[in-house]
Amino acid sequence: MSSSPSPLEAAPAAELADPLDESGVAPPPEVDALSRWFTRAFADLDTLNADFCEHLEKASSPEDDVVALARLGRDGIKKRSKRFLAEHPAADGVGVIFARAADAEGRGVIEWWERDASLGVHRYAFGLNPSGDRFYDYEKIEWFVMTFGSGQHWITGPYIDYLGVDEYVVTLTAQSSVHGRPVGIAGVDIKMSDLERELLPLLQRFPGRAALVTTHGSVLASNTSSLIAGDRVRPAELGLKEHPLRASGASVTVVYE
């Protein structure tokens, strides 16, 4: 998810370096470069989320449910989403996913904006009818569960968003709160092809094999054909060192020789 300049280029060299690992060894500079990329990516998401929440709060009252929030805030969300996508060429879609639990009638509400084939931006229509053939039960998906329930940043993927945007993506998420209560999450989708284009130059700085691995042990991106995106790995069995990117807030670990 890069802007122009990219997250790495926009971050100072010493910004938020990761601490010593469990063995007391400082991470190599290649790890710090990846940490800075994710730090900036989540900082950009946090800024977007704050703007979403500020607009929703100004456009609504504390008594409004999420259906009213989405309706009243749609124009502002659209405008901010289009600006974010214009500033971040690697981002494919952004928006707010509202919690059904926050709505008295339990209706799903998503305000999501994505790029289209004509290089424009349009609102994506999800199947939110529980009795429909393509019901998108998003409150059971990892990116919603982990972020809305805990308030923490989360990275989900790589995965095919079946019944959603039907693309091979990675999703970054942050909790959204309006009028003092959590109402959903803000998210950014990045197609895997774009994410790899962003991260591969950083991974290629490592002298040996290196990869980014999620909390599930799935490869997010790597610099070697022996570690393919989506593969499950056990770094210790491969003789790889591990360094979680704690300072960035990313739920990923760098593994490397």
Foldseek 3Di string as FASTA:
>chain_A
DQFVVGQLVVDDLPPLADAAPPVRDGDDSLVRSVLSNLLSVVVLLVVLLVQLQVQLQVQDDPPDFVVVSCVSSQVVQVVSFQVSCNRGVQWFKKWWWFALVRGPVSFTDTFMWGADPVRHIDTDDAQGDPPDPLHDPPCPDPCFVVALVPQAWEKDDQDQSRSGPRARWIKIKGFHDHPHGTTTIIIIIGGLVSVQVVCQVSQVVAPWKKFKAAPQQATSYINDPVRDGGDHDDLVVVVWDWDASVSSSYRIIMTTD
